[in-house]
Amino acid sequence: MSWVSLILYMRPPNTSLFVRNIADEPEDLRREFGRYGPIVDVYIPLDFYTRQPRGFAYIQYPFPMSSLCSLLF
């Protein structure tokens, strides 16, 4: 396998962060995790039937280093 084919099959660096046991407000998450860098999106999945938050969220940063820094501090 050549290095060209390896580059084609490499995944992009992960820029999202999985957070458990959260409050219902995305603004709270933006404020807390925004200290580590700019935030692209905060996604809080809802239960299909009750339409209530499921208790976890995904926070997406534009750069991989931002999500890594928020994990370390």
PDB file of N, CA and C in Angstrom:
ATOM      1  N   MET A   1       0.844  -1.176   0.000  1.00  0.00           N
ATOM      2  CA  MET A   1       0.000   0.000   0.000  1.00  0.00           C
ATOM      3  C   MET A   1       0.891   1.241   0.000  1.00  0.00           C
ATOM      4  N   SER A   2       0.632   2.128  -0.890  1.00  0.00           N
ATOM      5  CA  SER A   2       1.462   3.326  -1.002  1.00  0.00           C
ATOM      6  C   SER A   2       0.986   4.407  -0.034  1.00  0.00           C
ATOM      7  N   TRP A   3       1.815   5.408   0.153  1.00  0.00           N
ATOM      8  CA  TRP A   3       1.467   6.495   1.070  1.00  0.00           C
ATOM      9  C   TRP A   3       0.308   7.329   0.536  1.00  0.00           C
ATOM     10  N   VAL A   4       0.136   7.344  -0.792  1.00  0.00           N
ATOM     11  CA  VAL A   4      -0.972   8.092  -1.383  1.00  0.00           C
ATOM     12  C   VAL A   4      -2.303   7.468  -0.972  1.00  0.00           C
ATOM     13  N   SER A   5      -2.391   6.144  -1.026  1.00  0.00           N
ATOM     14  CA  SER A   5      -3.640   5.492  -0.632  1.00  0.00           C
ATOM     15  C   SER A   5      -3.882   5.621   0.865  1.00  0.00           C
ATOM     16  N   LEU A   6      -2.815   5.698   1.664  1.00  0.00           N
ATOM     17  CA  LEU A   6      -2.990   5.913   3.097  1.00  0.00           C
ATOM     18  C   LEU A   6      -3.567   7.296   3.380  1.00  0.00           C
ATOM     19  N   ILE A   7      -3.119   8.281   2.653  1.00  0.00           N
ATOM     20  CA  ILE A   7      -3.628   9.642   2.838  1.00  0.00           C
ATOM     21  C   ILE A   7      -5.108   9.712   2.457  1.00  0.00           C
ATOM     22  N   LEU A   8      -5.501   9.008   1.421  1.00  0.00           N
ATOM     23  CA  LEU A   8      -6.886   9.036   0.979  1.00  0.00           C
ATOM     24  C   LEU A   8      -7.828   8.417   2.011  1.00  0.00           C
ATOM     25  N   TYR A   9      -7.357   7.447   2.786  1.00  0.00           N
ATOM     26  CA  TYR A   9      -8.209   6.745   3.732  1.00  0.00           C
ATOM     27  C   TYR A   9      -8.063   7.237   5.164  1.00  0.00           C
ATOM     28  N   MET A  10      -7.270   8.273   5.380  1.00  0.00           N
ATOM     29  CA  MET A  10      -7.130   8.804   6.730  1.00  0.00           C
ATOM     30  C   MET A  10      -8.368   9.612   7.104  1.00  0.00           C
ATOM     31  N   ARG A  11      -8.805   9.464   8.341  1.00  0.00           N
ATOM     32  CA  ARG A  11      -9.926  10.253   8.822  1.00  0.00           C
ATOM     33  C   ARG A  11      -9.448  11.637   9.216  1.00  0.00           C
ATOM     34  N   PRO A  12     -10.287  12.629   9.064  1.00  0.00           N
ATOM     35  CA  PRO A  12      -9.905  13.960   9.542  1.00  0.00           C
ATOM     36  C   PRO A  12      -9.849  13.951  11.070  1.00  0.00           C
ATOM     37  N   PRO A  13      -9.087  14.844  11.652  1.00  0.00           N
ATOM     38  CA  PRO A  13      -9.005  14.880  13.109  1.00  0.00           C
ATOM     39  C   PRO A  13     -10.361  15.203  13.724  1.00  0.00           C
ATOM     40  N   ASN A  14     -10.628  14.590  14.860  1.00  0.00           N
ATOM     41  CA  ASN A  14     -11.903  14.785  15.531  1.00  0.00           C
ATOM     42  C   ASN A  14     -11.954  16.159  16.179  1.00  0.00           C
ATOM     43  N   THR A  15     -13.017  16.888  15.921  1.00  0.00           N
ATOM     44  CA  THR A  15     -13.157  18.223  16.491  1.00  0.00           C
ATOM     45  C   THR A  15     -14.371  18.333  17.400  1.00  0.00           C
ATOM     46  N   SER A  16     -15.016  17.211  17.702  1.00  0.00           N
ATOM     47  CA  SER A  16     -16.189  17.281  18.573  1.00  0.00           C
ATOM     48  C   SER A  16     -15.905  16.588  19.897  1.00  0.00           C
ATOM     49  N   LEU A  17     -16.637  17.034  20.904  1.00  0.00           N
ATOM     50  CA  LEU A  17     -16.454  16.570  22.262  1.00  0.00           C
ATOM     51  C   LEU A  17     -17.789  16.053  22.779  1.00  0.00           C
ATOM     52  N   PHE A  18     -17.796  14.857  23.362  1.00  0.00           N
ATOM     53  CA  PHE A  18     -18.996  14.255  23.929  1.00  0.00           C
ATOM     54  C   PHE A  18     -19.047  14.597  25.412  1.00  0.00           C
ATOM     55  N   VAL A  19     -20.172  15.157  25.872  1.00  0.00           N
ATOM     56  CA  VAL A  19     -20.321  15.571  27.261  1.00  0.00           C
ATOM     57  C   VAL A  19     -21.563  14.908  27.839  1.00  0.00           C
ATOM     58  N   ARG A  20     -21.412  14.266  29.007  1.00  0.00           N
ATOM     59  CA  ARG A  20     -22.540  13.603  29.669  1.00  0.00           C
ATOM     60  C   ARG A  20     -23.066  14.425  30.838  1.00  0.00           C
ATOM     61  N   ASN A  21     -24.257  14.040  31.307  1.00  0.00           N
ATOM     62  CA  ASN A  21     -24.893  14.625  32.487  1.00  0.00           C
ATOM     63  C   ASN A  21     -24.950  16.142  32.415  1.00  0.00           C
ATOM     64  N   ILE A  22     -25.607  16.631  31.402  1.00  0.00           N
ATOM     65  CA  ILE A  22     -25.637  18.076  31.163  1.00  0.00           C
ATOM     66  C   ILE A  22     -26.966  18.683  31.586  1.00  0.00           C
ATOM     67  N   ALA A  23     -26.967  20.008  31.731  1.00  0.00           N
ATOM     68  CA  ALA A  23     -28.205  20.759  31.915  1.00  0.00           C
ATOM     69  C   ALA A  23     -28.886  20.908  30.553  1.00  0.00           C
ATOM     70  N   ASP A  24     -30.071  21.429  30.545  1.00  0.00           N
ATOM     71  CA  ASP A  24     -30.843  21.509  29.304  1.00  0.00           C
ATOM     72  C   ASP A  24     -30.460  22.672  28.402  1.00  0.00           C
ATOM     73  N   GLU A  25     -29.715  23.636  28.895  1.00  0.00           N
ATOM     74  CA  GLU A  25     -29.457  24.862  28.149  1.00  0.00           C
ATOM     75  C   GLU A  25     -28.153  24.825  27.348  1.00  0.00           C
ATOM     76  N   PRO A  26     -28.223  24.979  26.023  1.00  0.00           N
ATOM     77  CA  PRO A  26     -26.992  25.017  25.225  1.00  0.00           C
ATOM     78  C   PRO A  26     -26.157  26.268  25.495  1.00  0.00           C
ATOM     79  N   GLU A  27     -26.796  27.349  25.961  1.00  0.00           N
ATOM     80  CA  GLU A  27     -26.047  28.574  26.261  1.00  0.00           C
ATOM     81  C   GLU A  27     -25.064  28.347  27.413  1.00  0.00           C
ATOM     82  N   ASP A  28     -25.466  27.525  28.387  1.00  0.00           N
ATOM     83  CA  ASP A  28     -24.564  27.204  29.498  1.00  0.00           C
ATOM     84  C   ASP A  28     -23.333  26.452  29.000  1.00  0.00           C
ATOM     85  N   LEU A  29     -23.547  25.520  28.083  1.00  0.00           N
ATOM     86  CA  LEU A  29     -22.426  24.764  27.524  1.00  0.00           C
ATOM     87  C   LEU A  29     -21.525  25.659  26.693  1.00  0.00           C
ATOM     88  N   ARG A  30     -22.114  26.545  25.917  1.00  0.00           N
ATOM     89  CA  ARG A  30     -21.307  27.483  25.115  1.00  0.00           C
ATOM     90  C   ARG A  30     -20.444  28.359  26.014  1.00  0.00           C
ATOM     91  N   ARG A  31     -21.001  28.810  27.119  1.00  0.00           N
ATOM     92  CA  ARG A  31     -20.248  29.678  28.021  1.00  0.00           C
ATOM     93  C   ARG A  31     -19.103  28.902  28.683  1.00  0.00           C
ATOM     94  N   GLU A  32     -19.375  27.712  29.179  1.00  0.00           N
ATOM     95  CA  GLU A  32     -18.349  26.936  29.879  1.00  0.00           C
ATOM     96  C   GLU A  32     -17.244  26.440  28.948  1.00  0.00           C
ATOM     97  N   PHE A  33     -17.617  25.867  27.816  1.00  0.00           N
ATOM     98  CA  PHE A  33     -16.626  25.286  26.914  1.00  0.00           C
ATOM     99  C   PHE A  33     -16.059  26.302  25.932  1.00  0.00           C
ATOM    100  N   GLY A  34     -16.663  27.476  25.842  1.00  0.00           N
ATOM    101  CA  GLY A  34     -16.141  28.532  24.985  1.00  0.00           C
ATOM    102  C   GLY A  34     -14.838  29.118  25.504  1.00  0.00           C
ATOM    103  N   ARG A  35     -14.503  28.824  26.754  1.00  0.00           N
ATOM    104  CA  ARG A  35     -13.224  29.293  27.315  1.00  0.00           C
ATOM    105  C   ARG A  35     -12.027  28.638  26.633  1.00  0.00           C
ATOM    106  N   TYR A  36     -12.233  27.503  25.986  1.00  0.00           N
ATOM    107  CA  TYR A  36     -11.130  26.755  25.384  1.00  0.00           C
ATOM    108  C   TYR A  36     -10.985  26.998  23.891  1.00  0.00           C
ATOM    109  N   GLY A  37     -11.856  27.803  23.329  1.00  0.00           N
ATOM    110  CA  GLY A  37     -11.767  28.113  21.909  1.00  0.00           C
ATOM    111  C   GLY A  37     -13.147  28.386  21.341  1.00  0.00           C
ATOM    112  N   PRO A  38     -13.184  28.845  20.101  1.00  0.00           N
ATOM    113  CA  PRO A  38     -14.478  29.125  19.479  1.00  0.00           C
ATOM    114  C   PRO A  38     -15.268  27.833  19.265  1.00  0.00           C
ATOM    115  N   ILE A  39     -16.569  27.918  19.431  1.00  0.00           N
ATOM    116  CA  ILE A  39     -17.448  26.754  19.277  1.00  0.00           C
ATOM    117  C   ILE A  39     -18.243  26.910  17.990  1.00  0.00           C
ATOM    118  N   VAL A  40     -18.266  25.850  17.191  1.00  0.00           N
ATOM    119  CA  VAL A  40     -19.022  25.850  15.947  1.00  0.00           C
ATOM    120  C   VAL A  40     -20.482  25.491  16.217  1.00  0.00           C
ATOM    121  N   ASP A  41     -20.711  24.454  17.042  1.00  0.00           N
ATOM    122  CA  ASP A  41     -22.067  23.970  17.263  1.00  0.00           C
ATOM    123  C   ASP A  41     -22.167  23.246  18.592  1.00  0.00           C
ATOM    124  N   VAL A  42     -23.334  23.338  19.214  1.00  0.00           N
ATOM    125  CA  VAL A  42     -23.675  22.540  20.392  1.00  0.00           C
ATOM    126  C   VAL A  42     -24.932  21.769  20.020  1.00  0.00           C
ATOM    127  N   TYR A  43     -24.841  20.428  20.055  1.00  0.00           N
ATOM    128  CA  TYR A  43     -25.969  19.580  19.675  1.00  0.00           C
ATOM    129  C   TYR A  43     -26.397  18.769  20.890  1.00  0.00           C
ATOM    130  N   ILE A  44     -27.644  18.949  21.305  1.00  0.00           N
ATOM    131  CA  ILE A  44     -28.213  18.200  22.422  1.00  0.00           C
ATOM    132  C   ILE A  44     -29.331  17.328  21.844  1.00  0.00           C
ATOM    133  N   PRO A  45     -29.113  16.021  21.720  1.00  0.00           N
ATOM    134  CA  PRO A  45     -30.147  15.144  21.159  1.00  0.00           C
ATOM    135  C   PRO A  45     -31.390  15.094  22.051  1.00  0.00           C
ATOM    136  N   LEU A  46     -32.545  14.991  21.404  1.00  0.00           N
ATOM    137  CA  LEU A  46     -33.809  14.892  22.118  1.00  0.00           C
ATOM    138  C   LEU A  46     -34.366  13.482  22.002  1.00  0.00           C
ATOM    139  N   ASP A  47     -35.102  13.065  23.025  1.00  0.00           N
ATOM    140  CA  ASP A  47     -35.799  11.793  22.991  1.00  0.00           C
ATOM    141  C   ASP A  47     -36.886  11.856  21.921  1.00  0.00           C
ATOM    142  N   PHE A  48     -37.034  10.790  21.167  1.00  0.00           N
ATOM    143  CA  PHE A  48     -37.970  10.774  20.042  1.00  0.00           C
ATOM    144  C   PHE A  48     -39.415  10.974  20.497  1.00  0.00           C
ATOM    145  N   TYR A  49     -39.801  10.346  21.589  1.00  0.00           N
ATOM    146  CA  TYR A  49     -41.191  10.377  22.023  1.00  0.00           C
ATOM    147  C   TYR A  49     -41.520  11.555  22.935  1.00  0.00           C
ATOM    148  N   THR A  50     -40.657  11.857  23.890  1.00  0.00           N
ATOM    149  CA  THR A  50     -40.960  12.906  24.871  1.00  0.00           C
ATOM    150  C   THR A  50     -40.466  14.279  24.443  1.00  0.00           C
ATOM    151  N   ARG A  51     -39.562  14.344  23.485  1.00  0.00           N
ATOM    152  CA  ARG A  51     -38.944  15.591  23.012  1.00  0.00           C
ATOM    153  C   ARG A  51     -38.167  16.301  24.112  1.00  0.00           C
ATOM    154  N   GLN A  52     -37.735  15.561  25.119  1.00  0.00           N
ATOM    155  CA  GLN A  52     -36.918  16.087  26.208  1.00  0.00           C
ATOM    156  C   GLN A  52     -35.454  15.773  25.919  1.00  0.00           C
ATOM    157  N   PRO A  53     -34.512  16.590  26.414  1.00  0.00           N
ATOM    158  CA  PRO A  53     -33.083  16.296  26.213  1.00  0.00           C
ATOM    159  C   PRO A  53     -32.717  14.941  26.811  1.00  0.00           C
ATOM    160  N   ARG A  54     -31.824  14.236  26.148  1.00  0.00           N
ATOM    161  CA  ARG A  54     -31.437  12.893  26.572  1.00  0.00           C
ATOM    162  C   ARG A  54     -30.323  12.887  27.609  1.00  0.00           C
ATOM    163  N   GLY A  55     -29.783  14.058  27.971  1.00  0.00           N
ATOM    164  CA  GLY A  55     -28.801  14.128  29.044  1.00  0.00           C
ATOM    165  C   GLY A  55     -27.352  14.162  28.595  1.00  0.00           C
ATOM    166  N   PHE A  56     -27.119  14.270  27.301  1.00  0.00           N
ATOM    167  CA  PHE A  56     -25.748  14.407  26.803  1.00  0.00           C
ATOM    168  C   PHE A  56     -25.742  15.363  25.627  1.00  0.00           C
ATOM    169  N   ALA A  57     -24.535  15.793  25.243  1.00  0.00           N
ATOM    170  CA  ALA A  57     -24.398  16.759  24.155  1.00  0.00           C
ATOM    171  C   ALA A  57     -23.097  16.520  23.403  1.00  0.00           C
ATOM    172  N   TYR A  58     -23.040  17.058  22.203  1.00  0.00           N
ATOM    173  CA  TYR A  58     -21.824  17.088  21.399  1.00  0.00           C
ATOM    174  C   TYR A  58     -21.466  18.550  21.178  1.00  0.00           C
ATOM    175  N   ILE A  59     -20.233  18.898  21.482  1.00  0.00           N
ATOM    176  CA  ILE A  59     -19.740  20.254  21.283  1.00  0.00           C
ATOM    177  C   ILE A  59     -18.695  20.195  20.185  1.00  0.00           C
ATOM    178  N   GLN A  60     -18.908  20.946  19.127  1.00  0.00           N
ATOM    179  CA  GLN A  60     -17.985  20.919  17.982  1.00  0.00           C
ATOM    180  C   GLN A  60     -17.156  22.193  17.947  1.00  0.00           C
ATOM    181  N   TYR A  61     -15.850  21.994  17.864  1.00  0.00           N
ATOM    182  CA  TYR A  61     -14.884  23.076  17.731  1.00  0.00           C
ATOM    183  C   TYR A  61     -14.380  23.125  16.290  1.00  0.00           C
ATOM    184  N   PRO A  62     -13.894  24.271  15.823  1.00  0.00           N
ATOM    185  CA  PRO A  62     -13.369  24.329  14.456  1.00  0.00           C
ATOM    186  C   PRO A  62     -11.987  23.692  14.312  1.00  0.00           C
ATOM    187  N   PHE A  63     -11.244  23.599  15.426  1.00  0.00           N
ATOM    188  CA  PHE A  63      -9.884  23.070  15.381  1.00  0.00           C
ATOM    189  C   PHE A  63      -9.752  21.905  16.356  1.00  0.00           C
ATOM    190  N   PRO A  64      -8.996  20.866  16.013  1.00  0.00           N
ATOM    191  CA  PRO A  64      -8.830  19.727  16.913  1.00  0.00           C
ATOM    192  C   PRO A  64      -8.182  20.100  18.243  1.00  0.00           C
ATOM    193  N   MET A  65      -7.301  21.087  18.277  1.00  0.00           N
ATOM    194  CA  MET A  65      -6.599  21.447  19.499  1.00  0.00           C
ATOM    195  C   MET A  65      -7.551  21.984  20.565  1.00  0.00           C
ATOM    196  N   SER A  66      -8.611  22.676  20.163  1.00  0.00           N
ATOM    197  CA  SER A  66      -9.567  23.236  21.113  1.00  0.00           C
ATOM    198  C   SER A  66     -10.279  22.135  21.886  1.00  0.00           C
ATOM    199  N   SER A  67     -10.716  21.070  21.184  1.00  0.00           N
ATOM    200  CA  SER A  67     -11.395  19.990  21.877  1.00  0.00           C
ATOM    201  C   SER A  67     -10.438  19.230  22.789  1.00  0.00           C
ATOM    202  N   LEU A  68      -9.182  19.116  22.391  1.00  0.00           N
ATOM    203  CA  LEU A  68      -8.197  18.459  23.241  1.00  0.00           C
ATOM    204  C   LEU A  68      -7.924  19.274  24.508  1.00  0.00           C
ATOM    205  N   CYS A  69      -7.803  20.584  24.373  1.00  0.00           N
ATOM    206  CA  CYS A  69      -7.552  21.448  25.531  1.00  0.00           C
ATOM    207  C   CYS A  69      -8.702  21.392  26.516  1.00  0.00           C
ATOM    208  N   SER A  70      -9.944  21.324  26.032  1.00  0.00           N
ATOM    209  CA  SER A  70     -11.067  21.290  26.957  1.00  0.00           C
ATOM    210  C   SER A  70     -11.120  19.968  27.713  1.00  0.00           C
ATOM    211  N   LEU A  71     -10.564  18.917  27.155  1.00  0.00           N
ATOM    212  CA  LEU A  71     -10.487  17.648  27.872  1.00  0.00           C
ATOM    213  C   LEU A  71      -9.430  17.684  28.968  1.00  0.00           C
ATOM    214  N   LEU A  72      -8.354  18.386  28.739  1.00  0.00           N
ATOM    215  CA  LEU A  72      -7.240  18.373  29.671  1.00  0.00           C
ATOM    216  C   LEU A  72      -7.445  19.299  30.868  1.00  0.00           C
ATOM    217  N   PHE A  73      -8.260  20.332  30.720  1.00  0.00           N
ATOM    218  CA  PHE A  73      -8.415  21.300  31.816  1.00  0.00           C
ATOM    219  C   PHE A  73      -9.745  21.238  32.427  1.00  0.00           C
TER     220      PHE A  73
END
